[in-house]
Amino acid sequence: MKTLLFTLILLSLCVAPFIVRAQYDGYKHEGEFGVQLGAAHYFGDLNPDKKLNRPKLAGGVFFRKQINNYVAIRIGANFAQLGYSDIYEKKNEFRMRRNLSFNTNLWELMLQGDFNFFRFNPTNPGERFTPYITFGAGVFNFDPYAYLNDTKYFLRPLGTEGQGSAAYPDRKLYSTTAFAFPVGIGVKFALTDRTNLNFEIAHRFTTTDFIDDVSGTYAGLATFPVGSPASFLQDRSYETGTPIGVAGTQRGFSGPRDQYIMATVGITFSITSYKCPTAN
């Protein structure tokens, strides 16, 4: 009996690794779907120094299809709040005097490629963590607004730089839809065979300079109807002293395009398939 028991234990120890290996080898990580929540920040004419002092809410949902052990394609829909004000620029006299501000809700649809540094398969204890890089392209919608005497005004229809006015026929109303190109890094690890956690930071380069409604030069007070909301919102330096918004003088920086960044934590749920391993 002792000999038989010893033989069974020895046989089990020899066979077990192959059973476990077969179990892990049979599962294939097909992809993930998940949700993410975090913060976003704007960079542009009101924040050219790329300070991270006014983060706002961001979040989204996505689906990631695993192409092979290292490459995945991801489609995602995200939401972010962006905003900034010249009043934060205490050490820059021009921006303090300019006194412009904006907020916007932003919606984006992104297609990205994710490239893992290591193999990632949540069913295998040895493949449950990897850093990754991501980049891609997408489209987003924005609509900047500001408050005047506690009343909310969307800035684009006002043509605050003379867009759409007879005085500046070459300045057209800008589109509130533009392209964005995210580039970022992240890490992800499996909490269980089915559930994963990831952290990601991705910077968005865009094709618009009007997320903040600021780009070129002042149109001048005479361009706007007397006493209209546009006449007050196009140049708010009157709130900090003598108005500086003379027609043709600098209001923004038309060269660089606006940008934004998102930092999120996500929970994903794995999609796996199983195929019986072929015996060697």
C-alpha atoms as a PDB file:
ATOM      1  CA  MET A   1       0.000   0.000   0.000  1.00  0.00           C
ATOM      2  CA  LYS A   2       2.800   2.420   0.923  1.00  0.00           C
ATOM      3  CA  THR A   3       4.582   1.610  -2.326  1.00  0.00           C
ATOM      4  CA  LEU A   4       1.386   2.245  -4.344  1.00  0.00           C
ATOM      5  CA  LEU A   5       0.714   5.550  -2.513  1.00  0.00           C
ATOM      6  CA  PHE A   6       4.306   6.710  -3.081  1.00  0.00           C
ATOM      7  CA  THR A   7       4.013   5.798  -6.762  1.00  0.00           C
ATOM      8  CA  LEU A   8       0.753   7.774  -7.158  1.00  0.00           C
ATOM      9  CA  ILE A   9       2.234  10.852  -5.434  1.00  0.00           C
ATOM     10  CA  LEU A  10       5.355  10.683  -7.574  1.00  0.00           C
ATOM     11  CA  LEU A  11       3.262  10.271 -10.716  1.00  0.00           C
ATOM     12  CA  SER A  12       1.060  13.219  -9.749  1.00  0.00           C
ATOM     13  CA  LEU A  13       4.088  15.450  -9.195  1.00  0.00           C
ATOM     14  CA  CYS A  14       5.457  14.515 -12.585  1.00  0.00           C
ATOM     15  CA  VAL A  15       2.200  14.939 -14.499  1.00  0.00           C
ATOM     16  CA  ALA A  16       0.842  18.061 -12.719  1.00  0.00           C
ATOM     17  CA  PRO A  17       3.163  20.574 -14.430  1.00  0.00           C
ATOM     18  CA  PHE A  18       2.041  19.319 -17.829  1.00  0.00           C
ATOM     19  CA  ILE A  19      -1.646  19.546 -16.832  1.00  0.00           C
ATOM     20  CA  VAL A  20      -1.170  23.119 -15.545  1.00  0.00           C
ATOM     21  CA  ARG A  21       0.818  24.064 -18.617  1.00  0.00           C
ATOM     22  CA  ALA A  22      -1.866  22.640 -20.864  1.00  0.00           C
ATOM     23  CA  GLN A  23      -4.509  24.607 -18.971  1.00  0.00           C
ATOM     24  CA  TYR A  24      -2.675  27.905 -19.426  1.00  0.00           C
ATOM     25  CA  ASP A  25      -1.567  27.151 -22.981  1.00  0.00           C
ATOM     26  CA  GLY A  26      -5.165  26.406 -23.952  1.00  0.00           C
ATOM     27  CA  TYR A  27      -6.476  29.844 -22.986  1.00  0.00           C
ATOM     28  CA  LYS A  28      -6.002  32.707 -25.414  1.00  0.00           C
ATOM     29  CA  HIS A  29      -6.379  36.355 -24.442  1.00  0.00           C
ATOM     30  CA  GLU A  30      -8.647  37.805 -27.137  1.00  0.00           C
ATOM     31  CA  GLY A  31      -9.091  41.311 -25.767  1.00  0.00           C
ATOM     32  CA  GLU A  32     -10.775  43.500 -23.159  1.00  0.00           C
ATOM     33  CA  PHE A  33     -13.603  45.950 -22.731  1.00  0.00           C
ATOM     34  CA  GLY A  34     -13.565  48.447 -19.925  1.00  0.00           C
ATOM     35  CA  VAL A  35     -14.205  51.830 -18.373  1.00  0.00           C
ATOM     36  CA  GLN A  36     -11.747  54.495 -17.248  1.00  0.00           C
ATOM     37  CA  LEU A  37     -11.885  57.555 -15.027  1.00  0.00           C
ATOM     38  CA  GLY A  38      -9.357  60.267 -14.312  1.00  0.00           C
ATOM     39  CA  ALA A  39      -8.370  63.835 -15.098  1.00  0.00           C
ATOM     40  CA  ALA A  40      -7.668  65.983 -18.149  1.00  0.00           C
ATOM     41  CA  HIS A  41      -5.714  69.194 -18.654  1.00  0.00           C
ATOM     42  CA  TYR A  42      -5.572  71.800 -21.410  1.00  0.00           C
ATOM     43  CA  PHE A  43      -2.498  73.431 -22.997  1.00  0.00           C
ATOM     44  CA  GLY A  44      -2.769  76.385 -25.357  1.00  0.00           C
ATOM     45  CA  ASP A  45      -2.895  80.159 -25.669  1.00  0.00           C
ATOM     46  CA  LEU A  46      -4.039  80.602 -22.059  1.00  0.00           C
ATOM     47  CA  ASN A  47      -1.582  78.002 -20.756  1.00  0.00           C
ATOM     48  CA  PRO A  48       1.433  78.038 -23.100  1.00  0.00           C
ATOM     49  CA  ASP A  49       3.803  76.935 -20.326  1.00  0.00           C
ATOM     50  CA  LYS A  50       1.910  73.625 -20.022  1.00  0.00           C
ATOM     51  CA  LYS A  51       1.238  73.935 -16.305  1.00  0.00           C
ATOM     52  CA  LEU A  52      -0.759  71.136 -14.661  1.00  0.00           C
ATOM     53  CA  ASN A  53      -2.499  73.295 -12.091  1.00  0.00           C
ATOM     54  CA  ARG A  54      -6.163  73.033 -13.188  1.00  0.00           C
ATOM     55  CA  PRO A  55      -7.046  69.368 -13.893  1.00  0.00           C
ATOM     56  CA  LYS A  56     -10.661  68.535 -14.644  1.00  0.00           C
ATOM     57  CA  LEU A  57     -12.779  65.388 -14.905  1.00  0.00           C
ATOM     58  CA  ALA A  58     -12.227  62.829 -17.675  1.00  0.00           C
ATOM     59  CA  GLY A  59     -13.538  59.345 -18.382  1.00  0.00           C
ATOM     60  CA  GLY A  60     -14.596  56.919 -21.073  1.00  0.00           C
ATOM     61  CA  VAL A  61     -15.276  53.421 -22.325  1.00  0.00           C
ATOM     62  CA  PHE A  62     -13.238  51.313 -24.726  1.00  0.00           C
ATOM     63  CA  PHE A  63     -12.785  47.940 -26.397  1.00  0.00           C
ATOM     64  CA  ARG A  64      -9.340  46.469 -27.037  1.00  0.00           C
ATOM     65  CA  LYS A  65      -8.861  43.635 -29.548  1.00  0.00           C
ATOM     66  CA  GLN A  66      -5.667  41.642 -29.089  1.00  0.00           C
ATOM     67  CA  ILE A  67      -3.994  40.971 -32.454  1.00  0.00           C
ATOM     68  CA  ASN A  68      -1.143  38.893 -31.019  1.00  0.00           C
ATOM     69  CA  ASN A  69       0.758  38.614 -27.744  1.00  0.00           C
ATOM     70  CA  TYR A  70       2.128  42.149 -28.046  1.00  0.00           C
ATOM     71  CA  VAL A  71      -0.128  44.216 -30.318  1.00  0.00           C
ATOM     72  CA  ALA A  72      -3.738  45.330 -29.825  1.00  0.00           C
ATOM     73  CA  ILE A  73      -6.163  47.664 -31.570  1.00  0.00           C
ATOM     74  CA  ARG A  74      -8.385  49.828 -29.385  1.00  0.00           C
ATOM     75  CA  ILE A  75     -11.484  51.909 -30.054  1.00  0.00           C
ATOM     76  CA  GLY A  76     -12.676  54.259 -27.346  1.00  0.00           C
ATOM     77  CA  ALA A  77     -15.180  57.014 -26.625  1.00  0.00           C
ATOM     78  CA  ASN A  78     -14.095  59.576 -24.032  1.00  0.00           C
ATOM     79  CA  PHE A  79     -15.360  62.682 -22.282  1.00  0.00           C
ATOM     80  CA  ALA A  80     -13.305  65.460 -20.720  1.00  0.00           C
ATOM     81  CA  GLN A  81     -13.789  68.867 -19.192  1.00  0.00           C
ATOM     82  CA  LEU A  82     -11.176  71.473 -20.112  1.00  0.00           C
ATOM     83  CA  GLY A  83     -10.753  75.046 -18.997  1.00  0.00           C
ATOM     84  CA  TYR A  84      -8.308  77.730 -17.957  1.00  0.00           C
ATOM     85  CA  SER A  85      -8.091  81.403 -17.066  1.00  0.00           C
ATOM     86  CA  ASP A  86      -5.517  84.160 -17.338  1.00  0.00           C
ATOM     87  CA  ILE A  87      -6.045  84.933 -13.640  1.00  0.00           C
ATOM     88  CA  TYR A  88      -3.851  81.894 -12.829  1.00  0.00           C
ATOM     89  CA  GLU A  89      -0.859  83.543 -14.507  1.00  0.00           C
ATOM     90  CA  LYS A  90       0.303  85.685 -11.583  1.00  0.00           C
ATOM     91  CA  LYS A  91       3.824  86.186 -12.954  1.00  0.00           C
ATOM     92  CA  ASN A  92       2.909  87.113 -16.540  1.00  0.00           C
ATOM     93  CA  GLU A  93       1.759  90.726 -16.825  1.00  0.00           C
ATOM     94  CA  PHE A  94       0.362  90.401 -20.355  1.00  0.00           C
ATOM     95  CA  ARG A  95      -1.819  87.415 -19.550  1.00  0.00           C
ATOM     96  CA  MET A  96      -2.960  88.913 -16.259  1.00  0.00           C
ATOM     97  CA  ARG A  97      -4.033  92.065 -18.089  1.00  0.00           C
ATOM     98  CA  ARG A  98      -5.617  90.107 -20.967  1.00  0.00           C
ATOM     99  CA  ASN A  99      -7.924  88.394 -18.447  1.00  0.00           C
ATOM    100  CA  LEU A 100      -9.515  85.830 -20.799  1.00  0.00           C
ATOM    101  CA  SER A 101     -10.975  82.502 -19.736  1.00  0.00           C
ATOM    102  CA  PHE A 102     -12.906  79.544 -21.107  1.00  0.00           C
ATOM    103  CA  ASN A 103     -14.415  76.159 -20.288  1.00  0.00           C
ATOM    104  CA  THR A 104     -15.575  73.400 -22.593  1.00  0.00           C
ATOM    105  CA  ASN A 105     -16.979  69.892 -22.561  1.00  0.00           C
ATOM    106  CA  LEU A 106     -15.061  67.692 -24.967  1.00  0.00           C
ATOM    107  CA  TRP A 107     -16.143  64.405 -26.566  1.00  0.00           C
ATOM    108  CA  GLU A 108     -13.743  62.246 -28.516  1.00  0.00           C
ATOM    109  CA  LEU A 109     -13.749  59.021 -30.525  1.00  0.00           C
ATOM    110  CA  MET A 110     -10.326  57.375 -30.797  1.00  0.00           C
ATOM    111  CA  LEU A 111      -8.694  54.512 -32.694  1.00  0.00           C
ATOM    112  CA  GLN A 112      -5.390  53.494 -31.113  1.00  0.00           C
ATOM    113  CA  GLY A 113      -2.696  50.855 -31.331  1.00  0.00           C
ATOM    114  CA  ASP A 114      -1.374  49.428 -28.047  1.00  0.00           C
ATOM    115  CA  PHE A 115       2.038  47.753 -27.967  1.00  0.00           C
ATOM    116  CA  ASN A 116       2.910  45.626 -24.937  1.00  0.00           C
ATOM    117  CA  PHE A 117       6.461  45.301 -23.678  1.00  0.00           C
ATOM    118  CA  PHE A 118       5.716  41.777 -22.339  1.00  0.00           C
ATOM    119  CA  ARG A 119       3.282  39.013 -23.200  1.00  0.00           C
ATOM    120  CA  PHE A 120      -0.049  39.594 -21.464  1.00  0.00           C
ATOM    121  CA  ASN A 121      -2.379  36.696 -20.630  1.00  0.00           C
ATOM    122  CA  PRO A 122      -4.401  37.018 -17.388  1.00  0.00           C
ATOM    123  CA  THR A 123      -4.873  33.238 -17.137  1.00  0.00           C
ATOM    124  CA  ASN A 124      -1.120  32.693 -16.863  1.00  0.00           C
ATOM    125  CA  PRO A 125       0.488  33.765 -13.556  1.00  0.00           C
ATOM    126  CA  GLY A 126       3.709  34.564 -15.402  1.00  0.00           C
ATOM    127  CA  GLU A 127       2.064  36.894 -17.921  1.00  0.00           C
ATOM    128  CA  ARG A 128      -0.153  39.120 -15.804  1.00  0.00           C
ATOM    129  CA  PHE A 129       1.700  42.435 -16.056  1.00  0.00           C
ATOM    130  CA  THR A 130       3.061  44.641 -18.810  1.00  0.00           C
ATOM    131  CA  PRO A 131       3.922  48.268 -19.544  1.00  0.00           C
ATOM    132  CA  TYR A 132       2.726  49.457 -22.959  1.00  0.00           C
ATOM    133  CA  ILE A 133       2.844  52.403 -25.333  1.00  0.00           C
ATOM    134  CA  THR A 134      -0.126  53.701 -27.296  1.00  0.00           C
ATOM    135  CA  PHE A 135      -0.713  56.047 -30.203  1.00  0.00           C
ATOM    136  CA  GLY A 136      -3.416  56.644 -32.747  1.00  0.00           C
ATOM    137  CA  ALA A 137      -5.855  59.153 -34.208  1.00  0.00           C
ATOM    138  CA  GLY A 138      -9.366  60.339 -33.586  1.00  0.00           C
ATOM    139  CA  VAL A 139     -11.928  63.065 -33.819  1.00  0.00           C
ATOM    140  CA  PHE A 140     -13.289  65.267 -31.049  1.00  0.00           C
ATOM    141  CA  ASN A 141     -15.925  67.929 -30.503  1.00  0.00           C
ATOM    142  CA  PHE A 142     -15.676  70.995 -28.276  1.00  0.00           C
ATOM    143  CA  ASP A 143     -17.600  74.246 -27.748  1.00  0.00           C
ATOM    144  CA  PRO A 144     -15.899  76.866 -25.540  1.00  0.00           C
ATOM    145  CA  TYR A 145     -17.934  79.099 -23.269  1.00  0.00           C
ATOM    146  CA  ALA A 146     -17.406  81.791 -20.645  1.00  0.00           C
ATOM    147  CA  TYR A 147     -19.473  83.621 -18.047  1.00  0.00           C
ATOM    148  CA  LEU A 148     -20.381  87.310 -18.061  1.00  0.00           C
ATOM    149  CA  ASN A 149     -22.373  88.603 -15.077  1.00  0.00           C
ATOM    150  CA  ASP A 150     -23.215  84.996 -14.127  1.00  0.00           C
ATOM    151  CA  THR A 151     -24.645  84.305 -17.594  1.00  0.00           C
ATOM    152  CA  LYS A 152     -23.132  81.557 -19.717  1.00  0.00           C
ATOM    153  CA  TYR A 153     -22.203  82.439 -23.319  1.00  0.00           C
ATOM    154  CA  PHE A 154     -20.869  80.105 -25.982  1.00  0.00           C
ATOM    155  CA  LEU A 155     -17.976  81.982 -27.564  1.00  0.00           C
ATOM    156  CA  ARG A 156     -17.847  80.679 -31.135  1.00  0.00           C
ATOM    157  CA  PRO A 157     -21.145  82.295 -32.296  1.00  0.00           C
ATOM    158  CA  LEU A 158     -19.942  85.638 -30.916  1.00  0.00           C
ATOM    159  CA  GLY A 159     -16.941  85.733 -33.267  1.00  0.00           C
ATOM    160  CA  THR A 160     -14.670  87.184 -30.588  1.00  0.00           C
ATOM    161  CA  GLU A 161     -11.800  87.701 -33.053  1.00  0.00           C
ATOM    162  CA  GLY A 162     -14.031  89.158 -35.762  1.00  0.00           C
ATOM    163  CA  GLN A 163     -15.001  85.834 -37.355  1.00  0.00           C
ATOM    164  CA  GLY A 164     -18.055  86.222 -39.560  1.00  0.00           C
ATOM    165  CA  SER A 165     -18.011  90.034 -39.468  1.00  0.00           C
ATOM    166  CA  ALA A 166     -17.954  92.376 -42.453  1.00  0.00           C
ATOM    167  CA  ALA A 167     -14.793  93.976 -41.071  1.00  0.00           C
ATOM    168  CA  TYR A 168     -12.869  90.691 -41.355  1.00  0.00           C
ATOM    169  CA  PRO A 169     -14.262  88.732 -44.325  1.00  0.00           C
ATOM    170  CA  ASP A 170     -11.199  86.463 -44.295  1.00  0.00           C
ATOM    171  CA  ARG A 171     -11.895  85.266 -40.731  1.00  0.00           C
ATOM    172  CA  LYS A 172     -14.401  82.434 -40.830  1.00  0.00           C
ATOM    173  CA  LEU A 173     -16.148  80.845 -37.868  1.00  0.00           C
ATOM    174  CA  TYR A 174     -14.004  77.921 -36.748  1.00  0.00           C
ATOM    175  CA  SER A 175     -15.283  74.364 -36.620  1.00  0.00           C
ATOM    176  CA  THR A 176     -15.996  72.808 -33.230  1.00  0.00           C
ATOM    177  CA  THR A 177     -14.876  69.426 -34.587  1.00  0.00           C
ATOM    178  CA  ALA A 178     -11.189  68.626 -35.045  1.00  0.00           C
ATOM    179  CA  PHE A 179      -8.709  65.764 -35.179  1.00  0.00           C
ATOM    180  CA  ALA A 180      -6.542  64.600 -32.290  1.00  0.00           C
ATOM    181  CA  PHE A 181      -3.510  62.325 -32.189  1.00  0.00           C
ATOM    182  CA  PRO A 182      -2.868  60.643 -28.823  1.00  0.00           C
ATOM    183  CA  VAL A 183       0.578  59.440 -27.760  1.00  0.00           C
ATOM    184  CA  GLY A 184       0.985  57.830 -24.374  1.00  0.00           C
ATOM    185  CA  ILE A 185       2.275  55.184 -22.000  1.00  0.00           C
ATOM    186  CA  GLY A 186       0.566  52.883 -19.553  1.00  0.00           C
ATOM    187  CA  VAL A 187       0.795  49.799 -17.400  1.00  0.00           C
ATOM    188  CA  LYS A 188      -1.740  47.052 -16.852  1.00  0.00           C
ATOM    189  CA  PHE A 189      -1.926  43.995 -14.668  1.00  0.00           C
ATOM    190  CA  ALA A 190      -4.439  41.254 -14.050  1.00  0.00           C
ATOM    191  CA  LEU A 191      -6.323  41.246 -10.755  1.00  0.00           C
ATOM    192  CA  THR A 192      -7.978  37.922 -11.602  1.00  0.00           C
ATOM    193  CA  ASP A 193      -8.279  35.704 -14.666  1.00  0.00           C
ATOM    194  CA  ARG A 194     -11.075  37.990 -15.890  1.00  0.00           C
ATOM    195  CA  THR A 195     -10.454  41.434 -14.385  1.00  0.00           C
ATOM    196  CA  ASN A 196      -7.569  43.819 -15.049  1.00  0.00           C
ATOM    197  CA  LEU A 197      -6.411  47.226 -13.850  1.00  0.00           C
ATOM    198  CA  ASN A 198      -4.587  49.741 -16.020  1.00  0.00           C
ATOM    199  CA  PHE A 199      -3.138  53.237 -15.621  1.00  0.00           C
ATOM    200  CA  GLU A 200      -2.491  55.417 -18.656  1.00  0.00           C
ATOM    201  CA  ILE A 201      -1.273  58.914 -19.520  1.00  0.00           C
ATOM    202  CA  ALA A 202      -1.829  60.047 -23.104  1.00  0.00           C
ATOM    203  CA  HIS A 203      -1.082  63.443 -24.628  1.00  0.00           C
ATOM    204  CA  ARG A 204      -3.312  64.690 -27.457  1.00  0.00           C
ATOM    205  CA  PHE A 205      -1.949  66.810 -30.306  1.00  0.00           C
ATOM    206  CA  THR A 206      -4.770  68.507 -32.226  1.00  0.00           C
ATOM    207  CA  THR A 207      -5.482  70.285 -35.505  1.00  0.00           C
ATOM    208  CA  THR A 208      -7.253  73.304 -33.956  1.00  0.00           C
ATOM    209  CA  ASP A 209      -6.124  76.451 -32.169  1.00  0.00           C
ATOM    210  CA  PHE A 210      -9.608  77.322 -30.916  1.00  0.00           C
ATOM    211  CA  ILE A 211     -10.328  74.969 -28.011  1.00  0.00           C
ATOM    212  CA  ASP A 212      -9.893  78.097 -25.876  1.00  0.00           C
ATOM    213  CA  ASP A 213     -11.447  80.507 -28.454  1.00  0.00           C
ATOM    214  CA  VAL A 214      -8.128  82.398 -28.571  1.00  0.00           C
ATOM    215  CA  SER A 215      -5.773  82.357 -31.553  1.00  0.00           C
ATOM    216  CA  GLY A 216      -4.819  85.555 -33.377  1.00  0.00           C
ATOM    217  CA  THR A 217      -5.276  89.300 -32.938  1.00  0.00           C
ATOM    218  CA  TYR A 218      -7.939  91.547 -31.466  1.00  0.00           C
ATOM    219  CA  ALA A 219     -10.660  92.622 -33.880  1.00  0.00           C
ATOM    220  CA  GLY A 220     -11.230  95.905 -32.046  1.00  0.00           C
ATOM    221  CA  LEU A 221     -14.234  97.118 -30.102  1.00  0.00           C
ATOM    222  CA  ALA A 222     -15.773  98.869 -33.142  1.00  0.00           C
ATOM    223  CA  THR A 223     -16.297  95.458 -34.813  1.00  0.00           C
ATOM    224  CA  PHE A 224     -19.026  94.525 -32.311  1.00  0.00           C
ATOM    225  CA  PRO A 225     -22.456  95.999 -31.551  1.00  0.00           C
ATOM    226  CA  VAL A 226     -22.282  98.477 -28.690  1.00  0.00           C
ATOM    227  CA  GLY A 227     -23.121  96.841 -25.374  1.00  0.00           C
ATOM    228  CA  SER A 228     -23.378  93.316 -26.844  1.00  0.00           C
ATOM    229  CA  PRO A 229     -22.015  90.260 -24.972  1.00  0.00           C
ATOM    230  CA  ALA A 230     -19.392  89.883 -27.718  1.00  0.00           C
ATOM    231  CA  SER A 231     -18.103  93.419 -27.109  1.00  0.00           C
ATOM    232  CA  PHE A 232     -17.421  92.559 -23.466  1.00  0.00           C
ATOM    233  CA  LEU A 233     -16.094  89.008 -23.961  1.00  0.00           C
ATOM    234  CA  GLN A 234     -13.695  89.724 -26.835  1.00  0.00           C
ATOM    235  CA  ASP A 235     -11.515  91.896 -24.600  1.00  0.00           C
ATOM    236  CA  ARG A 236     -11.872  91.570 -20.827  1.00  0.00           C
ATOM    237  CA  SER A 237      -8.837  93.665 -19.961  1.00  0.00           C
ATOM    238  CA  TYR A 238     -11.227  96.435 -18.901  1.00  0.00           C
ATOM    239  CA  GLU A 239     -11.723  94.402 -15.727  1.00  0.00           C
ATOM    240  CA  THR A 240      -8.032  94.736 -14.838  1.00  0.00           C
ATOM    241  CA  GLY A 241      -7.341  98.310 -16.013  1.00  0.00           C
ATOM    242  CA  THR A 242      -7.186 100.224 -19.267  1.00  0.00           C
ATOM    243  CA  PRO A 243      -8.404  98.064 -22.203  1.00  0.00           C
ATOM    244  CA  ILE A 244      -5.588  96.625 -24.320  1.00  0.00           C
ATOM    245  CA  GLY A 245      -7.654  95.144 -27.164  1.00  0.00           C
ATOM    246  CA  VAL A 246      -6.717  97.527 -29.947  1.00  0.00           C
ATOM    247  CA  ALA A 247      -7.500  96.121 -33.401  1.00  0.00           C
ATOM    248  CA  GLY A 248      -4.538  94.183 -34.786  1.00  0.00           C
ATOM    249  CA  THR A 249      -2.690  93.715 -31.485  1.00  0.00           C
ATOM    250  CA  GLN A 250      -1.837  90.287 -30.164  1.00  0.00           C
ATOM    251  CA  ARG A 251      -4.621  88.317 -28.505  1.00  0.00           C
ATOM    252  CA  GLY A 252      -3.245  84.787 -28.856  1.00  0.00           C
ATOM    253  CA  PHE A 253      -0.497  82.722 -30.497  1.00  0.00           C
ATOM    254  CA  SER A 254      -1.719  81.448 -33.853  1.00  0.00           C
ATOM    255  CA  GLY A 255       1.291  79.212 -34.586  1.00  0.00           C
ATOM    256  CA  PRO A 256       1.056  76.252 -32.175  1.00  0.00           C
ATOM    257  CA  ARG A 257      -2.161  74.238 -31.993  1.00  0.00           C
ATOM    258  CA  ASP A 258      -3.985  73.574 -28.735  1.00  0.00           C
ATOM    259  CA  GLN A 259      -3.318  70.301 -26.908  1.00  0.00           C
ATOM    260  CA  TYR A 260      -4.665  68.352 -23.966  1.00  0.00           C
ATOM    261  CA  ILE A 261      -3.702  65.368 -21.863  1.00  0.00           C
ATOM    262  CA  MET A 262      -5.636  62.634 -20.065  1.00  0.00           C
ATOM    263  CA  ALA A 263      -4.497  60.514 -17.112  1.00  0.00           C
ATOM    264  CA  THR A 264      -6.890  57.684 -16.283  1.00  0.00           C
ATOM    265  CA  VAL A 265      -7.299  54.535 -14.232  1.00  0.00           C
ATOM    266  CA  GLY A 266      -9.295  51.796 -15.919  1.00  0.00           C
ATOM    267  CA  ILE A 267     -10.970  48.531 -15.038  1.00  0.00           C
ATOM    268  CA  THR A 268     -11.174  46.034 -17.893  1.00  0.00           C
ATOM    269  CA  PHE A 269     -12.807  42.663 -18.326  1.00  0.00           C
ATOM    270  CA  SER A 270     -10.980  40.044 -20.364  1.00  0.00           C
ATOM    271  CA  ILE A 271     -12.362  38.154 -23.317  1.00  0.00           C
ATOM    272  CA  THR A 272     -10.729  34.737 -23.613  1.00  0.00           C
ATOM    273  CA  SER A 273     -11.081  31.682 -25.810  1.00  0.00           C
ATOM    274  CA  TYR A 274     -10.050  28.116 -25.134  1.00  0.00           C
ATOM    275  CA  LYS A 275      -8.604  25.530 -27.431  1.00  0.00           C
ATOM    276  CA  CYS A 276      -7.486  22.099 -26.294  1.00  0.00           C
ATOM    277  CA  PRO A 277      -3.681  22.036 -26.476  1.00  0.00           C
ATOM    278  CA  THR A 278      -2.170  19.663 -28.982  1.00  0.00           C
ATOM    279  CA  ALA A 279      -0.135  16.951 -27.333  1.00  0.00           C
ATOM    280  CA  ASN A 280       3.586  17.102 -28.108  1.00  0.00           C
END
